[in-house]
Amino acid sequence: MDKQQDSYMTEETLIEVVENQIADSEPKKVKETLMRLVMTGTPREEAIQLMACALAIEVFDVMKNGSSFNTIRYGQNLDALPNMDWMED
């Protein structure tokens, strides 16, 4: 990955994207995940960071492999939070 691509993967950028997805309710699963995590005791800031990790997997795949954003896998990774075993794959 080159320097320009690295700049798209900053934590700040990923968090901003997640916050925008929540504000837009698109995809709907993002807002649902935030509500579920907060309702089960995860602080909001930590929940957003966890969700940004799930997003990072998809962004990385798009940039590395030139594939399309996989909304199904993104949703599955969001559903698995706060467990992040999928990060080991």
N, C-alpha and C. Protein backbone atom coordinates (compact mmCIF):
# COMPACT_ATOMS: atom_id res chain seq x y z
N MET A 1 0.85 -1.17 0.00
CA MET A 1 0.00 0.00 0.00
C MET A 1 0.90 1.24 0.00
N ASP A 2 0.58 2.21 -0.83
CA ASP A 2 1.43 3.40 -0.89
C ASP A 2 0.96 4.44 0.13
N LYS A 3 1.73 5.55 0.20
CA LYS A 3 1.42 6.58 1.19
C LYS A 3 0.04 7.20 1.00
N GLN A 4 -0.36 7.41 -0.25
CA GLN A 4 -1.68 8.00 -0.50
C GLN A 4 -2.77 7.08 0.01
N GLN A 5 -2.64 5.79 -0.23
CA GLN A 5 -3.63 4.85 0.25
C GLN A 5 -3.65 4.81 1.77
N ASP A 6 -2.48 4.88 2.40
CA ASP A 6 -2.40 4.89 3.86
C ASP A 6 -3.19 6.05 4.44
N SER A 7 -3.21 7.19 3.77
CA SER A 7 -3.90 8.36 4.30
C SER A 7 -5.41 8.14 4.37
N TYR A 8 -5.93 7.22 3.58
CA TYR A 8 -7.37 6.93 3.62
C TYR A 8 -7.72 6.01 4.78
N MET A 9 -6.71 5.39 5.38
CA MET A 9 -6.94 4.41 6.41
C MET A 9 -6.68 4.94 7.81
N THR A 10 -6.63 6.24 8.00
CA THR A 10 -6.39 6.76 9.33
C THR A 10 -7.59 6.47 10.21
N GLU A 11 -7.33 6.30 11.49
CA GLU A 11 -8.41 6.05 12.45
C GLU A 11 -9.43 7.20 12.40
N GLU A 12 -8.91 8.40 12.33
CA GLU A 12 -9.79 9.58 12.29
C GLU A 12 -10.74 9.53 11.09
N THR A 13 -10.22 9.17 9.94
CA THR A 13 -11.04 9.09 8.73
C THR A 13 -12.09 7.99 8.84
N LEU A 14 -11.68 6.84 9.34
CA LEU A 14 -12.62 5.72 9.49
C LEU A 14 -13.73 6.07 10.48
N ILE A 15 -13.35 6.72 11.57
CA ILE A 15 -14.35 7.14 12.57
C ILE A 15 -15.31 8.15 11.95
N GLU A 16 -14.78 9.08 11.16
CA GLU A 16 -15.64 10.06 10.50
C GLU A 16 -16.64 9.38 9.57
N VAL A 17 -16.19 8.38 8.84
CA VAL A 17 -17.09 7.64 7.94
C VAL A 17 -18.17 6.94 8.75
N VAL A 18 -17.79 6.28 9.85
CA VAL A 18 -18.78 5.61 10.69
C VAL A 18 -19.79 6.61 11.24
N GLU A 19 -19.30 7.75 11.71
CA GLU A 19 -20.21 8.79 12.23
C GLU A 19 -21.17 9.27 11.14
N ASN A 20 -20.67 9.42 9.92
CA ASN A 20 -21.53 9.82 8.80
C ASN A 20 -22.55 8.74 8.48
N GLN A 21 -22.14 7.48 8.54
CA GLN A 21 -23.08 6.38 8.30
C GLN A 21 -24.18 6.38 9.36
N ILE A 22 -23.82 6.66 10.59
CA ILE A 22 -24.82 6.72 11.67
C ILE A 22 -25.78 7.87 11.42
N ALA A 23 -25.24 9.03 11.09
CA ALA A 23 -26.09 10.22 10.85
C ALA A 23 -27.04 10.00 9.68
N ASP A 24 -26.56 9.29 8.65
CA ASP A 24 -27.37 9.05 7.46
C ASP A 24 -28.24 7.80 7.56
N SER A 25 -28.04 7.02 8.62
CA SER A 25 -28.70 5.71 8.78
C SER A 25 -28.49 4.83 7.56
N GLU A 26 -27.30 4.90 7.01
CA GLU A 26 -26.97 4.13 5.82
C GLU A 26 -25.54 3.63 5.90
N PRO A 27 -25.27 2.38 5.97
CA PRO A 27 -26.28 1.32 6.05
C PRO A 27 -26.94 1.29 7.43
N LYS A 28 -28.16 0.86 7.43
CA LYS A 28 -28.98 0.83 8.65
C LYS A 28 -28.31 0.02 9.76
N LYS A 29 -27.59 -1.00 9.39
CA LYS A 29 -26.91 -1.90 10.34
C LYS A 29 -25.93 -1.14 11.23
N VAL A 30 -25.36 -0.05 10.74
CA VAL A 30 -24.37 0.70 11.52
C VAL A 30 -25.04 1.35 12.74
N LYS A 31 -26.15 2.00 12.53
CA LYS A 31 -26.87 2.64 13.63
C LYS A 31 -27.39 1.59 14.62
N GLU A 32 -27.87 0.48 14.09
CA GLU A 32 -28.35 -0.62 14.94
C GLU A 32 -27.22 -1.17 15.80
N THR A 33 -26.04 -1.29 15.21
CA THR A 33 -24.89 -1.81 15.94
C THR A 33 -24.49 -0.85 17.06
N LEU A 34 -24.46 0.42 16.77
CA LEU A 34 -24.13 1.41 17.80
C LEU A 34 -25.11 1.30 18.97
N MET A 35 -26.39 1.25 18.66
CA MET A 35 -27.40 1.17 19.73
C MET A 35 -27.22 -0.12 20.55
N ARG A 36 -26.97 -1.23 19.87
CA ARG A 36 -26.79 -2.51 20.57
C ARG A 36 -25.56 -2.47 21.49
N LEU A 37 -24.46 -1.96 20.98
CA LEU A 37 -23.24 -1.91 21.78
C LEU A 37 -23.40 -0.99 22.99
N VAL A 38 -23.99 0.17 22.79
CA VAL A 38 -24.16 1.12 23.89
C VAL A 38 -25.14 0.55 24.93
N MET A 39 -26.21 -0.09 24.45
CA MET A 39 -27.20 -0.66 25.37
C MET A 39 -26.63 -1.82 26.18
N THR A 40 -25.58 -2.46 25.69
CA THR A 40 -24.98 -3.57 26.43
C THR A 40 -23.75 -3.14 27.22
N GLY A 41 -23.55 -1.83 27.33
CA GLY A 41 -22.53 -1.31 28.23
C GLY A 41 -21.23 -0.82 27.61
N THR A 42 -21.11 -0.87 26.30
CA THR A 42 -19.90 -0.36 25.66
C THR A 42 -20.01 1.17 25.56
N PRO A 43 -19.03 1.90 26.05
CA PRO A 43 -19.07 3.36 25.90
C PRO A 43 -19.14 3.74 24.41
N ARG A 44 -19.86 4.83 24.10
CA ARG A 44 -20.08 5.22 22.71
C ARG A 44 -18.77 5.36 21.94
N GLU A 45 -17.80 6.02 22.53
CA GLU A 45 -16.52 6.24 21.83
C GLU A 45 -15.85 4.91 21.47
N GLU A 46 -15.88 3.99 22.40
CA GLU A 46 -15.29 2.67 22.15
C GLU A 46 -16.09 1.92 21.08
N ALA A 47 -17.41 2.03 21.12
CA ALA A 47 -18.25 1.38 20.12
C ALA A 47 -17.92 1.90 18.72
N ILE A 48 -17.75 3.20 18.59
CA ILE A 48 -17.41 3.79 17.29
C ILE A 48 -16.05 3.27 16.82
N GLN A 49 -15.10 3.16 17.73
CA GLN A 49 -13.77 2.65 17.36
C GLN A 49 -13.86 1.20 16.90
N LEU A 50 -14.65 0.39 17.58
CA LEU A 50 -14.84 -1.00 17.17
C LEU A 50 -15.46 -1.08 15.78
N MET A 51 -16.45 -0.23 15.55
CA MET A 51 -17.12 -0.21 14.26
C MET A 51 -16.17 0.25 13.16
N ALA A 52 -15.27 1.17 13.49
CA ALA A 52 -14.27 1.63 12.52
C ALA A 52 -13.33 0.49 12.14
N CYS A 53 -13.07 -0.42 13.08
CA CYS A 53 -12.24 -1.60 12.75
C CYS A 53 -12.94 -2.47 11.72
N ALA A 54 -14.24 -2.68 11.88
CA ALA A 54 -15.00 -3.47 10.91
C ALA A 54 -14.98 -2.80 9.54
N LEU A 55 -15.10 -1.49 9.53
CA LEU A 55 -15.04 -0.73 8.28
C LEU A 55 -13.67 -0.83 7.64
N ALA A 56 -12.62 -0.78 8.46
CA ALA A 56 -11.25 -0.83 7.95
C ALA A 56 -10.99 -2.11 7.14
N ILE A 57 -11.56 -3.21 7.57
CA ILE A 57 -11.39 -4.47 6.84
C ILE A 57 -11.90 -4.33 5.42
N GLU A 58 -13.05 -3.71 5.26
CA GLU A 58 -13.63 -3.56 3.93
C GLU A 58 -12.85 -2.56 3.09
N VAL A 59 -12.46 -1.46 3.68
CA VAL A 59 -11.69 -0.45 2.94
C VAL A 59 -10.35 -1.04 2.49
N PHE A 60 -9.70 -1.77 3.38
CA PHE A 60 -8.43 -2.39 3.05
C PHE A 60 -8.60 -3.36 1.88
N ASP A 61 -9.65 -4.18 1.90
CA ASP A 61 -9.88 -5.15 0.83
C ASP A 61 -10.11 -4.45 -0.51
N VAL A 62 -10.87 -3.36 -0.48
CA VAL A 62 -11.12 -2.60 -1.71
C VAL A 62 -9.81 -2.05 -2.26
N MET A 63 -8.99 -1.47 -1.38
CA MET A 63 -7.75 -0.85 -1.83
C MET A 63 -6.70 -1.89 -2.25
N LYS A 64 -6.60 -2.97 -1.52
CA LYS A 64 -5.57 -3.96 -1.80
C LYS A 64 -5.92 -4.82 -3.01
N ASN A 65 -7.17 -5.25 -3.09
CA ASN A 65 -7.56 -6.21 -4.12
C ASN A 65 -8.40 -5.62 -5.24
N GLY A 66 -8.75 -4.35 -5.11
CA GLY A 66 -9.58 -3.72 -6.13
C GLY A 66 -10.98 -4.31 -6.19
N SER A 67 -11.39 -4.92 -5.09
CA SER A 67 -12.71 -5.54 -5.05
C SER A 67 -13.77 -4.50 -4.67
N SER A 68 -15.00 -4.89 -4.79
CA SER A 68 -16.11 -4.03 -4.38
C SER A 68 -16.27 -4.10 -2.87
N PHE A 69 -16.80 -3.05 -2.30
CA PHE A 69 -17.09 -3.02 -0.86
C PHE A 69 -18.11 -4.12 -0.57
N ASN A 70 -17.79 -4.99 0.38
CA ASN A 70 -18.64 -6.13 0.69
C ASN A 70 -19.56 -5.78 1.86
N THR A 71 -20.76 -5.32 1.54
CA THR A 71 -21.69 -4.89 2.60
C THR A 71 -22.16 -6.05 3.46
N ILE A 72 -22.22 -7.24 2.88
CA ILE A 72 -22.64 -8.41 3.66
C ILE A 72 -21.60 -8.73 4.72
N ARG A 73 -20.33 -8.79 4.32
CA ARG A 73 -19.27 -9.08 5.29
C ARG A 73 -19.15 -7.95 6.32
N TYR A 74 -19.30 -6.72 5.88
CA TYR A 74 -19.27 -5.58 6.81
C TYR A 74 -20.36 -5.75 7.86
N GLY A 75 -21.55 -6.10 7.43
CA GLY A 75 -22.65 -6.33 8.36
C GLY A 75 -22.37 -7.49 9.31
N GLN A 76 -21.78 -8.55 8.81
CA GLN A 76 -21.43 -9.69 9.65
C GLN A 76 -20.39 -9.30 10.69
N ASN A 77 -19.42 -8.51 10.29
CA ASN A 77 -18.40 -8.05 11.23
C ASN A 77 -19.00 -7.12 12.28
N LEU A 78 -19.93 -6.28 11.86
CA LEU A 78 -20.62 -5.42 12.83
C LEU A 78 -21.43 -6.27 13.81
N ASP A 79 -22.10 -7.30 13.30
CA ASP A 79 -22.90 -8.18 14.16
C ASP A 79 -22.04 -8.88 15.21
N ALA A 80 -20.80 -9.17 14.88
CA ALA A 80 -19.91 -9.90 15.78
C ALA A 80 -19.36 -9.03 16.91
N LEU A 81 -19.42 -7.72 16.75
CA LEU A 81 -18.86 -6.82 17.77
C LEU A 81 -19.60 -6.97 19.09
N PRO A 82 -18.94 -6.88 20.21
CA PRO A 82 -17.57 -6.40 20.42
C PRO A 82 -16.50 -7.48 20.23
N ASN A 83 -16.91 -8.71 19.93
CA ASN A 83 -15.93 -9.76 19.64
C ASN A 83 -15.24 -9.44 18.31
N MET A 84 -13.92 -9.49 18.30
CA MET A 84 -13.19 -9.16 17.08
C MET A 84 -12.31 -10.33 16.63
N ASP A 85 -12.78 -11.56 16.80
CA ASP A 85 -12.03 -12.72 16.35
C ASP A 85 -11.75 -12.67 14.85
N TRP A 86 -12.63 -12.03 14.09
CA TRP A 86 -12.46 -11.93 12.65
C TRP A 86 -11.22 -11.13 12.27
N MET A 87 -10.66 -10.38 13.20
CA MET A 87 -9.43 -9.62 12.92
C MET A 87 -8.24 -10.58 12.76
N GLU A 88 -8.36 -11.79 13.29
CA GLU A 88 -7.28 -12.76 13.23
C GLU A 88 -7.21 -13.44 11.87
N ASP A 89 -8.27 -13.39 11.08
CA ASP A 89 -8.32 -14.05 9.77
C ASP A 89 -7.45 -13.38 8.75
